[in-house]
Amino acid sequence: TNLIKSFFKSYLNEKGADITPLKKLIHFHY
């Protein structure tokens, strides 16, 4: 519950979960 507020705020702003870390990880290995 302590994490949900920030998650959904980001979710609404990005129109989906912010997967910036995943993109960086994939770019790092590519």
Full PDB file with SEQRES, HELIX, SHEET, SSBOND, CRYST1, ORIGX, SCALE, CONECT and MASTER records, all heavy atoms in Angstrom:
SEQRES   1 A   30  THR ASN LEU ILE LYS SER PHE PHE LYS SER TYR LEU ASN          
SEQRES   2 A   30  GLU LYS GLY ALA ASP ILE THR PRO LEU LYS LYS LEU ILE          
SEQRES   3 A   30  HIS PHE HIS TYR                                              
HELIX    1 AA1 ILE A    4  GLU A   14  1                                  11    
HELIX    2 AA2 THR A   20  HIS A   29  1                                  10    
CRYST1    1.000    1.000    1.000  90.00  90.00  90.00 P 1           1          
ORIGX1      1.000000  0.000000  0.000000        0.00000                         
ORIGX2      0.000000  1.000000  0.000000        0.00000                         
ORIGX3      0.000000  0.000000  1.000000        0.00000                         
SCALE1      1.000000  0.000000  0.000000        0.00000                         
SCALE2      0.000000  1.000000  0.000000        0.00000                         
SCALE3      0.000000  0.000000  1.000000        0.00000                         
ATOM      1  N   THR A   1       0.814  -1.217   0.000  1.00  0.00           N  
ATOM      2  CA  THR A   1       0.000   0.000   0.000  1.00  0.00           C  
ATOM      3  C   THR A   1       0.849   1.269   0.000  1.00  0.00           C  
ATOM      4  O   THR A   1       0.460   2.289  -0.569  1.00  0.00           O  
ATOM      5  CB  THR A   1      -0.946   0.016   1.217  1.00  0.00           C  
ATOM      6  OG1 THR A   1      -0.189  -0.246   2.413  1.00  0.00           O  
ATOM      7  CG2 THR A   1      -2.037  -1.025   1.070  1.00  0.00           C  
ATOM      8  N   ASN A   2       2.012   1.236   0.623  1.00  0.00           N  
ATOM      9  CA  ASN A   2       2.880   2.424   0.675  1.00  0.00           C  
ATOM     10  C   ASN A   2       3.486   2.766  -0.684  1.00  0.00           C  
ATOM     11  O   ASN A   2       3.966   3.885  -0.893  1.00  0.00           O  
ATOM     12  CB  ASN A   2       3.995   2.219   1.703  1.00  0.00           C  
ATOM     13  CG  ASN A   2       4.876   1.043   1.381  1.00  0.00           C  
ATOM     14  OD1 ASN A   2       4.393  -0.020   1.001  1.00  0.00           O  
ATOM     15  ND2 ASN A   2       6.193   1.207   1.547  1.00  0.00           N  
ATOM     16  N   LEU A   3       3.483   1.822  -1.617  1.00  0.00           N  
ATOM     17  CA  LEU A   3       4.074   2.038  -2.936  1.00  0.00           C  
ATOM     18  C   LEU A   3       3.041   2.319  -4.022  1.00  0.00           C  
ATOM     19  O   LEU A   3       3.380   2.814  -5.094  1.00  0.00           O  
ATOM     20  CB  LEU A   3       4.902   0.806  -3.358  1.00  0.00           C  
ATOM     21  CG  LEU A   3       6.017   0.359  -2.407  1.00  0.00           C  
ATOM     22  CD1 LEU A   3       6.592  -0.972  -2.880  1.00  0.00           C  
ATOM     23  CD2 LEU A   3       7.110   1.417  -2.328  1.00  0.00           C  
ATOM     24  N   ILE A   4       1.800   1.989  -3.734  1.00  0.00           N  
ATOM     25  CA  ILE A   4       0.775   2.031  -4.778  1.00  0.00           C  
ATOM     26  C   ILE A   4       0.509   3.450  -5.277  1.00  0.00           C  
ATOM     27  O   ILE A   4       0.335   3.678  -6.478  1.00  0.00           O  
ATOM     28  CB  ILE A   4      -0.516   1.355  -4.274  1.00  0.00           C  
ATOM     29  CG1 ILE A   4      -0.302  -0.166  -4.233  1.00  0.00           C  
ATOM     30  CG2 ILE A   4      -1.698   1.684  -5.184  1.00  0.00           C  
ATOM     31  CD1 ILE A   4      -1.473  -0.948  -3.715  1.00  0.00           C  
ATOM     32  N   LYS A   5       0.491   4.449  -4.372  1.00  0.00           N  
ATOM     33  CA  LYS A   5       0.187   5.823  -4.769  1.00  0.00           C  
ATOM     34  C   LYS A   5       1.164   6.330  -5.821  1.00  0.00           C  
ATOM     35  O   LYS A   5       0.764   6.849  -6.867  1.00  0.00           O  
ATOM     36  CB  LYS A   5       0.187   6.750  -3.550  1.00  0.00           C  
ATOM     37  CG  LYS A   5      -0.236   8.179  -3.879  1.00  0.00           C  
ATOM     38  CD  LYS A   5      -0.288   9.042  -2.622  1.00  0.00           C  
ATOM     39  CE  LYS A   5      -0.704  10.473  -2.979  1.00  0.00           C  
ATOM     40  NZ  LYS A   5      -0.744  11.340  -1.756  1.00  0.00           N  
ATOM     41  N   SER A   6       2.469   6.176  -5.539  1.00  0.00           N  
ATOM     42  CA  SER A   6       3.475   6.651  -6.488  1.00  0.00           C  
ATOM     43  C   SER A   6       3.434   5.864  -7.790  1.00  0.00           C  
ATOM     44  O   SER A   6       3.645   6.414  -8.873  1.00  0.00           O  
ATOM     45  CB  SER A   6       4.873   6.582  -5.861  1.00  0.00           C  
ATOM     46  OG  SER A   6       5.202   5.239  -5.502  1.00  0.00           O  
ATOM     47  N   PHE A   7       3.139   4.559  -7.696  1.00  0.00           N  
ATOM     48  CA  PHE A   7       3.062   3.732  -8.890  1.00  0.00           C  
ATOM     49  C   PHE A   7       1.945   4.205  -9.815  1.00  0.00           C  
ATOM     50  O   PHE A   7       2.148   4.408 -11.011  1.00  0.00           O  
ATOM     51  CB  PHE A   7       2.850   2.259  -8.523  1.00  0.00           C  
ATOM     52  CG  PHE A   7       2.552   1.388  -9.717  1.00  0.00           C  
ATOM     53  CD1 PHE A   7       3.562   0.951 -10.555  1.00  0.00           C  
ATOM     54  CD2 PHE A   7       1.237   1.033 -10.021  1.00  0.00           C  
ATOM     55  CE1 PHE A   7       3.280   0.171 -11.673  1.00  0.00           C  
ATOM     56  CE2 PHE A   7       0.957   0.242 -11.135  1.00  0.00           C  
ATOM     57  CZ  PHE A   7       1.974  -0.182 -11.953  1.00  0.00           C  
ATOM     58  N   PHE A   8       0.737   4.399  -9.255  1.00  0.00           N  
ATOM     59  CA  PHE A   8      -0.397   4.773 -10.093  1.00  0.00           C  
ATOM     60  C   PHE A   8      -0.286   6.204 -10.612  1.00  0.00           C  
ATOM     61  O   PHE A   8      -0.771   6.509 -11.700  1.00  0.00           O  
ATOM     62  CB  PHE A   8      -1.713   4.549  -9.352  1.00  0.00           C  
ATOM     63  CG  PHE A   8      -2.168   3.127  -9.402  1.00  0.00           C  
ATOM     64  CD1 PHE A   8      -2.096   2.324  -8.289  1.00  0.00           C  
ATOM     65  CD2 PHE A   8      -2.646   2.576 -10.571  1.00  0.00           C  
ATOM     66  CE1 PHE A   8      -2.491   0.984  -8.338  1.00  0.00           C  
ATOM     67  CE2 PHE A   8      -3.047   1.244 -10.632  1.00  0.00           C  
ATOM     68  CZ  PHE A   8      -2.975   0.452  -9.510  1.00  0.00           C  
ATOM     69  N   LYS A   9       0.358   7.093  -9.853  1.00  0.00           N  
ATOM     70  CA  LYS A   9       0.618   8.439 -10.351  1.00  0.00           C  
ATOM     71  C   LYS A   9       1.493   8.373 -11.600  1.00  0.00           C  
ATOM     72  O   LYS A   9       1.215   9.005 -12.624  1.00  0.00           O  
ATOM     73  CB  LYS A   9       1.297   9.279  -9.271  1.00  0.00           C  
ATOM     74  CG  LYS A   9       1.519  10.733  -9.692  1.00  0.00           C  
ATOM     75  CD  LYS A   9       2.165  11.531  -8.566  1.00  0.00           C  
ATOM     76  CE  LYS A   9       2.414  12.975  -9.006  1.00  0.00           C  
ATOM     77  NZ  LYS A   9       3.061  13.764  -7.919  1.00  0.00           N  
ATOM     78  N   SER A  10       2.552   7.568 -11.523  1.00  0.00           N  
ATOM     79  CA  SER A  10       3.443   7.369 -12.663  1.00  0.00           C  
ATOM     80  C   SER A  10       2.711   6.659 -13.797  1.00  0.00           C  
ATOM     81  O   SER A  10       2.882   6.988 -14.965  1.00  0.00           O  
ATOM     82  CB  SER A  10       4.671   6.562 -12.242  1.00  0.00           C  
ATOM     83  OG  SER A  10       5.472   6.227 -13.345  1.00  0.00           O  
ATOM     84  N   TYR A  11       1.861   5.680 -13.433  1.00  0.00           N  
ATOM     85  CA  TYR A  11       1.116   4.907 -14.420  1.00  0.00           C  
ATOM     86  C   TYR A  11       0.224   5.817 -15.268  1.00  0.00           C  
ATOM     87  O   TYR A  11       0.156   5.703 -16.491  1.00  0.00           O  
ATOM     88  CB  TYR A  11       0.275   3.847 -13.706  1.00  0.00           C  
ATOM     89  CG  TYR A  11      -0.397   2.839 -14.622  1.00  0.00           C  
ATOM     90  CD1 TYR A  11       0.197   1.616 -14.871  1.00  0.00           C  
ATOM     91  CD2 TYR A  11      -1.619   3.125 -15.220  1.00  0.00           C  
ATOM     92  CE1 TYR A  11      -0.413   0.685 -15.707  1.00  0.00           C  
ATOM     93  CE2 TYR A  11      -2.237   2.202 -16.046  1.00  0.00           C  
ATOM     94  CZ  TYR A  11      -1.639   0.985 -16.283  1.00  0.00           C  
ATOM     95  OH  TYR A  11      -2.247   0.071 -17.118  1.00  0.00           O  
ATOM     96  N   LEU A  12      -0.466   6.761 -14.606  1.00  0.00           N  
ATOM     97  CA  LEU A  12      -1.359   7.673 -15.310  1.00  0.00           C  
ATOM     98  C   LEU A  12      -0.569   8.644 -16.188  1.00  0.00           C  
ATOM     99  O   LEU A  12      -0.982   8.957 -17.308  1.00  0.00           O  
ATOM    100  CB  LEU A  12      -2.221   8.437 -14.309  1.00  0.00           C  
ATOM    101  CG  LEU A  12      -3.251   7.587 -13.538  1.00  0.00           C  
ATOM    102  CD1 LEU A  12      -3.889   8.396 -12.421  1.00  0.00           C  
ATOM    103  CD2 LEU A  12      -4.329   7.057 -14.497  1.00  0.00           C  
ATOM    104  N   ASN A  13       0.579   9.104 -15.681  1.00  0.00           N  
ATOM    105  CA  ASN A  13       1.399  10.040 -16.453  1.00  0.00           C  
ATOM    106  C   ASN A  13       1.980   9.390 -17.706  1.00  0.00           C  
ATOM    107  O   ASN A  13       2.046   9.998 -18.778  1.00  0.00           O  
ATOM    108  CB  ASN A  13       2.537  10.589 -15.586  1.00  0.00           C  
ATOM    109  CG  ASN A  13       2.043  11.541 -14.513  1.00  0.00           C  
ATOM    110  OD1 ASN A  13       0.969  12.138 -14.624  1.00  0.00           O  
ATOM    111  ND2 ASN A  13       2.819  11.693 -13.436  1.00  0.00           N  
ATOM    112  N   GLU A  14       2.416   8.130 -17.564  1.00  0.00           N  
ATOM    113  CA  GLU A  14       3.065   7.425 -18.667  1.00  0.00           C  
ATOM    114  C   GLU A  14       2.065   6.669 -19.545  1.00  0.00           C  
ATOM    115  O   GLU A  14       2.450   6.103 -20.575  1.00  0.00           O  
ATOM    116  CB  GLU A  14       4.095   6.418 -18.116  1.00  0.00           C  
ATOM    117  CG  GLU A  14       5.256   7.039 -17.358  1.00  0.00           C  
ATOM    118  CD  GLU A  14       6.207   7.781 -18.260  1.00  0.00           C  
ATOM    119  OE1 GLU A  14       6.357   7.371 -19.438  1.00  0.00           O  
ATOM    120  OE2 GLU A  14       6.805   8.765 -17.792  1.00  0.00           O  
ATOM    121  N   LYS A  15       0.781   6.625 -19.093  1.00  0.00           N  
ATOM    122  CA  LYS A  15      -0.243   5.820 -19.762  1.00  0.00           C  
ATOM    123  C   LYS A  15       0.192   4.352 -19.813  1.00  0.00           C  
ATOM    124  O   LYS A  15       0.051   3.648 -20.815  1.00  0.00           O  
ATOM    125  CB  LYS A  15      -0.535   6.358 -21.166  1.00  0.00           C  
ATOM    126  CG  LYS A  15      -1.110   7.763 -21.159  1.00  0.00           C  
ATOM    127  CD  LYS A  15      -1.423   8.252 -22.559  1.00  0.00           C  
ATOM    128  CE  LYS A  15      -2.026   9.665 -22.510  1.00  0.00           C  
ATOM    129  NZ  LYS A  15      -2.299  10.202 -23.852  1.00  0.00           N  
ATOM    130  N   GLY A  16       0.690   3.904 -18.684  1.00  0.00           N  
ATOM    131  CA  GLY A  16       1.199   2.549 -18.508  1.00  0.00           C  
ATOM    132  C   GLY A  16       2.329   2.590 -17.498  1.00  0.00           C  
ATOM    133  O   GLY A  16       2.873   3.664 -17.209  1.00  0.00           O  
ATOM    134  N   ALA A  17       2.706   1.438 -16.956  1.00  0.00           N  
ATOM    135  CA  ALA A  17       3.791   1.396 -15.981  1.00  0.00           C  
ATOM    136  C   ALA A  17       5.091   1.910 -16.597  1.00  0.00           C  
ATOM    137  O   ALA A  17       5.408   1.605 -17.744  1.00  0.00           O  
ATOM    138  CB  ALA A  17       3.979  -0.034 -15.462  1.00  0.00           C  
ATOM    139  N   ASP A  18       5.815   2.706 -15.844  1.00  0.00           N  
ATOM    140  CA  ASP A  18       7.082   3.263 -16.325  1.00  0.00           C  
ATOM    141  C   ASP A  18       8.146   2.168 -16.337  1.00  0.00           C  
ATOM    142  O   ASP A  18       8.630   1.735 -15.294  1.00  0.00           O  
ATOM    143  CB  ASP A  18       7.509   4.422 -15.419  1.00  0.00           C  
ATOM    144  CG  ASP A  18       8.689   5.207 -15.990  1.00  0.00           C  
ATOM    145  OD1 ASP A  18       9.446   4.650 -16.812  1.00  0.00           O  
ATOM    146  OD2 ASP A  18       8.862   6.379 -15.603  1.00  0.00           O  
ATOM    147  N   ILE A  19       8.520   1.716 -17.534  1.00  0.00           N  
ATOM    148  CA  ILE A  19       9.497   0.628 -17.673  1.00  0.00           C  
ATOM    149  C   ILE A  19      10.860   1.159 -18.122  1.00  0.00           C  
ATOM    150  O   ILE A  19      11.623   0.446 -18.769  1.00  0.00           O  
ATOM    151  CB  ILE A  19       8.995  -0.464 -18.647  1.00  0.00           C  
ATOM    152  CG1 ILE A  19       8.690   0.120 -20.032  1.00  0.00           C  
ATOM    153  CG2 ILE A  19       7.792  -1.174 -18.076  1.00  0.00           C  
ATOM    154  CD1 ILE A  19       8.462  -0.958 -21.100  1.00  0.00           C  
ATOM    155  N   THR A  20      11.161   2.398 -17.744  1.00  0.00           N  
ATOM    156  CA  THR A  20      12.460   2.986 -18.083  1.00  0.00           C  
ATOM    157  C   THR A  20      13.631   2.101 -17.650  1.00  0.00           C  
ATOM    158  O   THR A  20      14.579   1.911 -18.417  1.00  0.00           O  
ATOM    159  CB  THR A  20      12.587   4.394 -17.467  1.00  0.00           C  
ATOM    160  OG1 THR A  20      11.530   5.219 -17.962  1.00  0.00           O  
ATOM    161  CG2 THR A  20      13.926   5.016 -17.818  1.00  0.00           C  
ATOM    162  N   PRO A  21      13.609   1.514 -16.427  1.00  0.00           N  
ATOM    163  CA  PRO A  21      14.724   0.630 -16.038  1.00  0.00           C  
ATOM    164  C   PRO A  21      14.899  -0.564 -16.985  1.00  0.00           C  
ATOM    165  O   PRO A  21      16.032  -0.941 -17.307  1.00  0.00           O  
ATOM    166  CB  PRO A  21      14.338   0.166 -14.635  1.00  0.00           C  
ATOM    167  CG  PRO A  21      13.447   1.246 -14.114  1.00  0.00           C  
ATOM    168  CD  PRO A  21      12.662   1.712 -15.302  1.00  0.00           C  
ATOM    169  N   LEU A  22      13.791  -1.147 -17.429  1.00  0.00           N  
ATOM    170  CA  LEU A  22      13.881  -2.284 -18.350  1.00  0.00           C  
ATOM    171  C   LEU A  22      14.489  -1.862 -19.679  1.00  0.00           C  
ATOM    172  O   LEU A  22      15.340  -2.565 -20.232  1.00  0.00           O  
ATOM    173  CB  LEU A  22      12.497  -2.899 -18.574  1.00  0.00           C  
ATOM    174  CG  LEU A  22      12.431  -4.070 -19.564  1.00  0.00           C  
ATOM    175  CD1 LEU A  22      13.274  -5.242 -19.070  1.00  0.00           C  
ATOM    176  CD2 LEU A  22      10.992  -4.502 -19.813  1.00  0.00           C  
ATOM    177  N   LYS A  23      14.071  -0.709 -20.190  1.00  0.00           N  
ATOM    178  CA  LYS A  23      14.616  -0.215 -21.451  1.00  0.00           C  
ATOM    179  C   LYS A  23      16.126   0.009 -21.327  1.00  0.00           C  
ATOM    180  O   LYS A  23      16.891  -0.345 -22.232  1.00  0.00           O  
ATOM    181  CB  LYS A  23      13.917   1.081 -21.858  1.00  0.00           C  
ATOM    182  CG  LYS A  23      12.464   0.910 -22.265  1.00  0.00           C  
ATOM    183  CD  LYS A  23      11.835   2.243 -22.616  1.00  0.00           C  
ATOM    184  CE  LYS A  23      10.367   2.094 -23.001  1.00  0.00           C  
ATOM    185  NZ  LYS A  23       9.756   3.417 -23.331  1.00  0.00           N  
ATOM    186  N   LYS A  24      16.559   0.598 -20.216  1.00  0.00           N  
ATOM    187  CA  LYS A  24      17.989   0.825 -19.986  1.00  0.00           C  
ATOM    188  C   LYS A  24      18.746  -0.497 -19.913  1.00  0.00           C  
ATOM    189  O   LYS A  24      19.850  -0.618 -20.452  1.00  0.00           O  
ATOM    190  CB  LYS A  24      18.194   1.623 -18.690  1.00  0.00           C  
ATOM    191  CG  LYS A  24      17.788   3.089 -18.783  1.00  0.00           C  
ATOM    192  CD  LYS A  24      18.043   3.806 -17.461  1.00  0.00           C  
ATOM    193  CE  LYS A  24      17.667   5.287 -17.558  1.00  0.00           C  
ATOM    194  NZ  LYS A  24      17.868   5.999 -16.250  1.00  0.00           N  
ATOM    195  N   LEU A  25      18.138  -1.491 -19.262  1.00  0.00           N  
ATOM    196  CA  LEU A  25      18.773  -2.801 -19.121  1.00  0.00           C  
ATOM    197  C   LEU A  25      18.955  -3.456 -20.480  1.00  0.00           C  
ATOM    198  O   LEU A  25      20.026  -4.017 -20.769  1.00  0.00           O  
ATOM    199  CB  LEU A  25      17.928  -3.680 -18.200  1.00  0.00           C  
ATOM    200  CG  LEU A  25      18.482  -5.061 -17.846  1.00  0.00           C  
ATOM    201  CD1 LEU A  25      19.753  -4.925 -17.015  1.00  0.00           C  
ATOM    202  CD2 LEU A  25      17.437  -5.882 -17.072  1.00  0.00           C  
ATOM    203  N   ILE A  26      17.914  -3.404 -21.311  1.00  0.00           N  
ATOM    204  CA  ILE A  26      17.990  -4.015 -22.638  1.00  0.00           C  
ATOM    205  C   ILE A  26      19.003  -3.283 -23.512  1.00  0.00           C  
ATOM    206  O   ILE A  26      19.796  -3.901 -24.221  1.00  0.00           O  
ATOM    207  CB  ILE A  26      16.598  -4.037 -23.303  1.00  0.00           C  
ATOM    208  CG1 ILE A  26      15.621  -4.852 -22.453  1.00  0.00           C  
ATOM    209  CG2 ILE A  26      16.686  -4.611 -24.713  1.00  0.00           C  
ATOM    210  CD1 ILE A  26      16.039  -6.261 -22.181  1.00  0.00           C  
ATOM    211  N   HIS A  27      18.995  -1.952 -23.449  1.00  0.00           N  
ATOM    212  CA  HIS A  27      19.971  -1.173 -24.208  1.00  0.00           C  
ATOM    213  C   HIS A  27      21.400  -1.482 -23.764  1.00  0.00           C  
ATOM    214  O   HIS A  27      22.322  -1.513 -24.592  1.00  0.00           O  
ATOM    215  CB  HIS A  27      19.697   0.323 -24.063  1.00  0.00           C  
ATOM    216  CG  HIS A  27      18.674   0.852 -25.024  1.00  0.00           C  
ATOM    217  ND1 HIS A  27      18.957   1.107 -26.349  1.00  0.00           N  
ATOM    218  CD2 HIS A  27      17.351   1.154 -24.857  1.00  0.00           C  
ATOM    219  CE1 HIS A  27      17.871   1.553 -26.957  1.00  0.00           C  
ATOM    220  NE2 HIS A  27      16.870   1.594 -26.071  1.00  0.00           N  
ATOM    221  N   PHE A  28      21.572  -1.713 -22.472  1.00  0.00           N  
ATOM    222  CA  PHE A  28      22.898  -2.037 -21.946  1.00  0.00           C  
ATOM    223  C   PHE A  28      23.424  -3.345 -22.547  1.00  0.00           C  
ATOM    224  O   PHE A  28      24.611  -3.460 -22.862  1.00  0.00           O  
ATOM    225  CB  PHE A  28      22.843  -2.132 -20.421  1.00  0.00           C  
ATOM    226  CG  PHE A  28      24.121  -2.602 -19.791  1.00  0.00           C  
ATOM    227  CD1 PHE A  28      25.179  -1.736 -19.614  1.00  0.00           C  
ATOM    228  CD2 PHE A  28      24.264  -3.927 -19.377  1.00  0.00           C  
ATOM    229  CE1 PHE A  28      26.372  -2.182 -19.034  1.00  0.00           C  
ATOM    230  CE2 PHE A  28      25.447  -4.382 -18.805  1.00  0.00           C  
ATOM    231  CZ  PHE A  28      26.502  -3.498 -18.634  1.00  0.00           C  
ATOM    232  N   HIS A  29      22.545  -4.334 -22.709  1.00  0.00           N  
ATOM    233  CA  HIS A  29      22.971  -5.640 -23.216  1.00  0.00           C  
ATOM    234  C   HIS A  29      23.016  -5.708 -24.747  1.00  0.00           C  
ATOM    235  O   HIS A  29      23.644  -6.614 -25.309  1.00  0.00           O  
ATOM    236  CB  HIS A  29      22.038  -6.738 -22.699  1.00  0.00           C  
ATOM    237  CG  HIS A  29      22.258  -7.072 -21.253  1.00  0.00           C  
ATOM    238  ND1 HIS A  29      23.334  -7.803 -20.805  1.00  0.00           N  
ATOM    239  CD2 HIS A  29      21.529  -6.785 -20.141  1.00  0.00           C  
ATOM    240  CE1 HIS A  29      23.272  -7.945 -19.492  1.00  0.00           C  
ATOM    241  NE2 HIS A  29      22.175  -7.332 -19.059  1.00  0.00           N  
ATOM    242  N   TYR A  30      22.361  -4.758 -25.400  1.00  0.00           N  
ATOM    243  CA  TYR A  30      22.338  -4.786 -26.861  1.00  0.00           C  
ATOM    244  C   TYR A  30      23.636  -4.216 -27.428  1.00  0.00           C  
ATOM    245  O   TYR A  30      24.132  -3.180 -26.993  1.00  0.00           O  
ATOM    246  CB  TYR A  30      21.150  -3.995 -27.405  1.00  0.00           C  
ATOM    247  CG  TYR A  30      21.148  -3.890 -28.913  1.00  0.00           C  
ATOM    248  CD1 TYR A  30      20.890  -5.007 -29.693  1.00  0.00           C  
ATOM    249  CD2 TYR A  30      21.431  -2.682 -29.552  1.00  0.00           C  
ATOM    250  CE1 TYR A  30      20.899  -4.925 -31.079  1.00  0.00           C  
ATOM    251  CE2 TYR A  30      21.445  -2.593 -30.931  1.00  0.00           C  
ATOM    252  CZ  TYR A  30      21.190  -3.731 -31.687  1.00  0.00           C  
ATOM    253  OH  TYR A  30      21.215  -3.648 -33.061  1.00  0.00           O  
TER     254      TYR A  30                                                      
MASTER        0    0    0    2    0    0    0    6  253    1    0    3          
END                                                                             
